[in-house]
Structures are given as structure tokens and as C-alpha cells.
N, C-alpha and C. Protein backbone atom coordinates (compact mmCIF):
# COMPACT_ATOMS: atom_id res chain seq x y z
N MET A 1 106.51 144.78 154.81
CA MET A 1 105.35 144.73 153.94
C MET A 1 105.71 145.14 152.51
N ILE A 2 106.57 146.11 152.35
CA ILE A 2 106.94 146.56 151.01
C ILE A 2 107.68 145.46 150.26
N ALA A 3 108.49 144.69 150.96
CA ALA A 3 109.25 143.63 150.33
C ALA A 3 108.34 142.59 149.70
N SER A 4 107.16 142.40 150.25
CA SER A 4 106.26 141.40 149.67
C SER A 4 105.52 141.97 148.46
N ILE A 5 105.42 143.28 148.33
CA ILE A 5 104.72 143.89 147.21
C ILE A 5 105.63 144.04 146.01
N VAL A 6 106.84 144.51 146.23
CA VAL A 6 107.80 144.77 145.14
C VAL A 6 108.99 143.84 145.30
N ASP A 7 109.29 143.09 144.27
CA ASP A 7 110.48 142.24 144.27
C ASP A 7 111.63 143.08 143.71
N THR A 8 112.44 143.61 144.61
CA THR A 8 113.49 144.54 144.19
C THR A 8 114.57 143.88 143.34
N ASN A 9 114.83 142.61 143.56
CA ASN A 9 115.82 141.91 142.76
C ASN A 9 115.39 141.85 141.29
N ASP A 10 114.16 141.46 141.04
CA ASP A 10 113.65 141.42 139.67
C ASP A 10 113.60 142.82 139.06
N LEU A 11 113.24 143.80 139.84
CA LEU A 11 113.18 145.18 139.36
C LEU A 11 114.56 145.67 138.96
N LEU A 12 115.58 145.40 139.77
CA LEU A 12 116.94 145.82 139.44
C LEU A 12 117.48 145.09 138.21
N GLN A 13 117.14 143.81 138.08
CA GLN A 13 117.55 143.08 136.89
C GLN A 13 116.92 143.66 135.64
N THR A 14 115.66 144.03 135.73
CA THR A 14 114.97 144.62 134.59
C THR A 14 115.62 145.95 134.18
N VAL A 15 115.96 146.76 135.17
CA VAL A 15 116.61 148.05 134.87
C VAL A 15 117.98 147.81 134.25
N ALA A 16 118.74 146.88 134.76
CA ALA A 16 120.07 146.61 134.24
C ALA A 16 120.02 146.06 132.82
N TYR A 17 119.13 145.09 132.57
CA TYR A 17 119.03 144.52 131.23
C TYR A 17 118.51 145.52 130.21
N SER A 18 117.56 146.33 130.59
CA SER A 18 117.02 147.31 129.65
C SER A 18 118.03 148.40 129.35
N SER A 19 118.83 148.77 130.34
CA SER A 19 119.89 149.76 130.12
C SER A 19 120.95 149.21 129.18
N ALA A 20 121.36 147.98 129.42
CA ALA A 20 122.37 147.35 128.55
C ALA A 20 121.84 147.20 127.13
N ALA A 21 120.60 146.80 126.98
CA ALA A 21 120.03 146.65 125.64
C ALA A 21 119.91 148.00 124.94
N GLY A 22 119.50 149.01 125.66
CA GLY A 22 119.39 150.33 125.06
C GLY A 22 120.72 150.88 124.59
N ILE A 23 121.75 150.71 125.40
CA ILE A 23 123.09 151.16 125.02
C ILE A 23 123.61 150.33 123.85
N GLY A 24 123.38 149.03 123.88
CA GLY A 24 123.85 148.16 122.80
C GLY A 24 123.20 148.48 121.47
N VAL A 25 121.90 148.66 121.46
CA VAL A 25 121.19 148.99 120.22
C VAL A 25 121.65 150.34 119.69
N THR A 26 121.86 151.29 120.59
CA THR A 26 122.34 152.60 120.17
C THR A 26 123.73 152.51 119.53
N LEU A 27 124.61 151.73 120.12
CA LEU A 27 125.95 151.57 119.55
C LEU A 27 125.91 150.86 118.18
N ILE A 28 125.10 149.85 118.07
CA ILE A 28 124.99 149.13 116.79
C ILE A 28 124.43 150.05 115.72
N PHE A 29 123.40 150.81 116.04
CA PHE A 29 122.80 151.71 115.06
C PHE A 29 123.76 152.83 114.69
N SER A 30 124.55 153.29 115.66
CA SER A 30 125.53 154.34 115.34
C SER A 30 126.62 153.81 114.41
N LEU A 31 126.95 152.53 114.52
CA LEU A 31 127.88 151.94 113.55
C LEU A 31 127.29 151.95 112.14
N GLY A 32 125.99 151.75 112.04
CA GLY A 32 125.32 151.83 110.74
C GLY A 32 125.38 153.23 110.17
N ILE A 33 125.17 154.23 111.00
CA ILE A 33 125.27 155.62 110.54
C ILE A 33 126.70 155.94 110.12
N TYR A 34 127.66 155.51 110.92
CA TYR A 34 129.07 155.74 110.60
C TYR A 34 129.42 155.09 109.25
N GLY A 35 129.01 153.85 109.08
CA GLY A 35 129.31 153.14 107.83
C GLY A 35 128.68 153.80 106.62
N SER A 36 127.46 154.28 106.76
CA SER A 36 126.81 154.89 105.61
C SER A 36 127.43 156.24 105.27
N THR A 37 127.84 157.02 106.27
CA THR A 37 128.49 158.29 105.95
C THR A 37 129.88 158.07 105.36
N ARG A 38 130.60 157.09 105.89
CA ARG A 38 131.92 156.79 105.30
C ARG A 38 131.75 156.25 103.88
N PHE A 39 130.69 155.47 103.65
CA PHE A 39 130.44 154.96 102.29
C PHE A 39 130.24 156.12 101.33
N ALA A 40 129.47 157.12 101.72
CA ALA A 40 129.24 158.28 100.85
C ALA A 40 130.54 159.06 100.61
N ASP A 41 131.31 159.25 101.66
CA ASP A 41 132.57 159.99 101.51
C ASP A 41 133.57 159.25 100.64
N TYR A 42 133.73 157.96 100.87
CA TYR A 42 134.69 157.18 100.10
C TYR A 42 134.24 157.02 98.66
N SER A 43 132.95 156.92 98.42
CA SER A 43 132.45 156.80 97.06
C SER A 43 132.73 158.09 96.28
N ARG A 44 132.53 159.20 96.94
CA ARG A 44 132.77 160.50 96.31
C ARG A 44 134.25 160.67 95.97
N ASP A 45 135.13 160.15 96.82
CA ASP A 45 136.57 160.27 96.61
C ASP A 45 137.12 159.21 95.65
N GLY A 46 136.29 158.26 95.24
CA GLY A 46 136.74 157.22 94.32
C GLY A 46 137.49 156.08 94.99
N ARG A 47 137.38 155.94 96.27
CA ARG A 47 138.06 154.86 97.01
C ARG A 47 137.07 153.70 97.14
N ARG A 48 137.09 152.83 96.15
CA ARG A 48 136.09 151.78 96.03
C ARG A 48 136.16 150.72 97.13
N LEU A 49 137.34 150.28 97.48
CA LEU A 49 137.48 149.22 98.49
C LEU A 49 136.98 149.72 99.85
N GLU A 50 137.41 150.90 100.23
CA GLU A 50 136.97 151.47 101.51
C GLU A 50 135.47 151.71 101.52
N ALA A 51 134.94 152.14 100.35
CA ALA A 51 133.50 152.36 100.25
C ALA A 51 132.74 151.05 100.39
N ALA A 52 133.24 149.99 99.78
CA ALA A 52 132.57 148.69 99.87
C ALA A 52 132.59 148.17 101.31
N LEU A 53 133.72 148.32 101.99
CA LEU A 53 133.80 147.86 103.37
C LEU A 53 132.89 148.69 104.28
N SER A 54 132.84 149.98 104.06
CA SER A 54 131.96 150.83 104.87
C SER A 54 130.50 150.52 104.60
N GLY A 55 130.16 150.25 103.34
CA GLY A 55 128.79 149.86 103.00
C GLY A 55 128.41 148.54 103.64
N ALA A 56 129.36 147.60 103.66
CA ALA A 56 129.10 146.32 104.31
C ALA A 56 128.89 146.49 105.82
N LEU A 57 129.66 147.39 106.44
CA LEU A 57 129.47 147.69 107.85
C LEU A 57 128.08 148.26 108.10
N ALA A 58 127.65 149.16 107.24
CA ALA A 58 126.32 149.77 107.41
C ALA A 58 125.23 148.73 107.26
N VAL A 59 125.34 147.86 106.29
CA VAL A 59 124.30 146.83 106.07
C VAL A 59 124.27 145.85 107.24
N LEU A 60 125.44 145.42 107.69
CA LEU A 60 125.49 144.50 108.83
C LEU A 60 124.91 145.14 110.10
N ALA A 61 125.19 146.40 110.29
CA ALA A 61 124.66 147.08 111.48
C ALA A 61 123.15 147.21 111.41
N VAL A 62 122.61 147.47 110.22
CA VAL A 62 121.15 147.55 110.08
C VAL A 62 120.51 146.19 110.36
N PHE A 63 121.10 145.13 109.82
CA PHE A 63 120.56 143.79 110.08
C PHE A 63 120.68 143.41 111.56
N ALA A 64 121.78 143.78 112.18
CA ALA A 64 121.96 143.49 113.61
C ALA A 64 120.94 144.26 114.44
N THR A 65 120.67 145.51 114.07
CA THR A 65 119.66 146.30 114.79
C THR A 65 118.29 145.68 114.66
N ILE A 66 117.95 145.29 113.47
CA ILE A 66 116.64 144.64 113.24
C ILE A 66 116.57 143.33 114.02
N GLY A 67 117.64 142.56 114.01
CA GLY A 67 117.66 141.30 114.74
C GLY A 67 117.48 141.48 116.24
N VAL A 68 118.15 142.49 116.78
CA VAL A 68 118.01 142.75 118.23
C VAL A 68 116.60 143.20 118.56
N LEU A 69 116.02 144.01 117.71
CA LEU A 69 114.64 144.46 117.95
C LEU A 69 113.65 143.31 117.89
N VAL A 70 113.83 142.44 116.92
CA VAL A 70 112.95 141.26 116.81
C VAL A 70 113.12 140.36 118.03
N MET A 71 114.35 140.16 118.45
CA MET A 71 114.61 139.34 119.63
C MET A 71 113.95 139.97 120.86
N GLY A 72 114.02 141.28 120.98
CA GLY A 72 113.40 141.96 122.11
C GLY A 72 111.89 141.76 122.13
N VAL A 73 111.26 141.83 120.95
CA VAL A 73 109.82 141.61 120.88
C VAL A 73 109.47 140.18 121.26
N ILE A 74 110.27 139.24 120.81
CA ILE A 74 110.02 137.82 121.13
C ILE A 74 110.14 137.61 122.64
N VAL A 75 111.19 138.18 123.24
CA VAL A 75 111.38 138.02 124.69
C VAL A 75 110.22 138.66 125.46
N MET A 76 109.78 139.82 125.02
CA MET A 76 108.67 140.49 125.73
C MET A 76 107.37 139.74 125.63
N THR A 77 107.12 139.11 124.50
CA THR A 77 105.85 138.41 124.34
C THR A 77 105.85 137.05 125.06
N GLN A 78 107.01 136.49 125.36
CA GLN A 78 107.05 135.20 126.04
C GLN A 78 107.01 135.33 127.56
N LYS A 79 107.26 136.48 128.09
CA LYS A 79 107.30 136.61 129.56
C LYS A 79 106.05 137.20 130.08
């Protein structure tokens, strides 16, 4: 009777996908934090090339985080 009430396969897939998405978004956002702190450090030390690359990493990570969040909202509203 329980098997007809709860579809365990769908439930396990939901847990797996949400865990992977949560870890992925956390890693992407942490790259943004890393890039912004390295940008500040390199700028202070006068290392312009390293600062520019770190700033680009921070900006890309922020855009990737926003993109993943938007995609998550789209997926949630379609199902």
C-alpha cells in the first residue's frame, strides 16, 4: 500500500538532483568569493594582470550563479 502512495524512485531522484544543484551552486558562488578577494589582494599589490583575471573569474561566477538560479526557477515552474 505504501508503494502506491509514495513513488520512491521519483523521491530519490529529487533528493539526488537537489543535492547536486545545491553543491554546484555553492561551489560556483565560492569561486566568485575567491575571485573577488584575490582581485582585492592583487590590486593592492599592484599586480594588474592577476587582478584582472581574478575579477573576470568573480564576474563569471556571479553570472553563472544567477543563470543557475534562473534555470532552477524555470524548471520548478514548468513541472
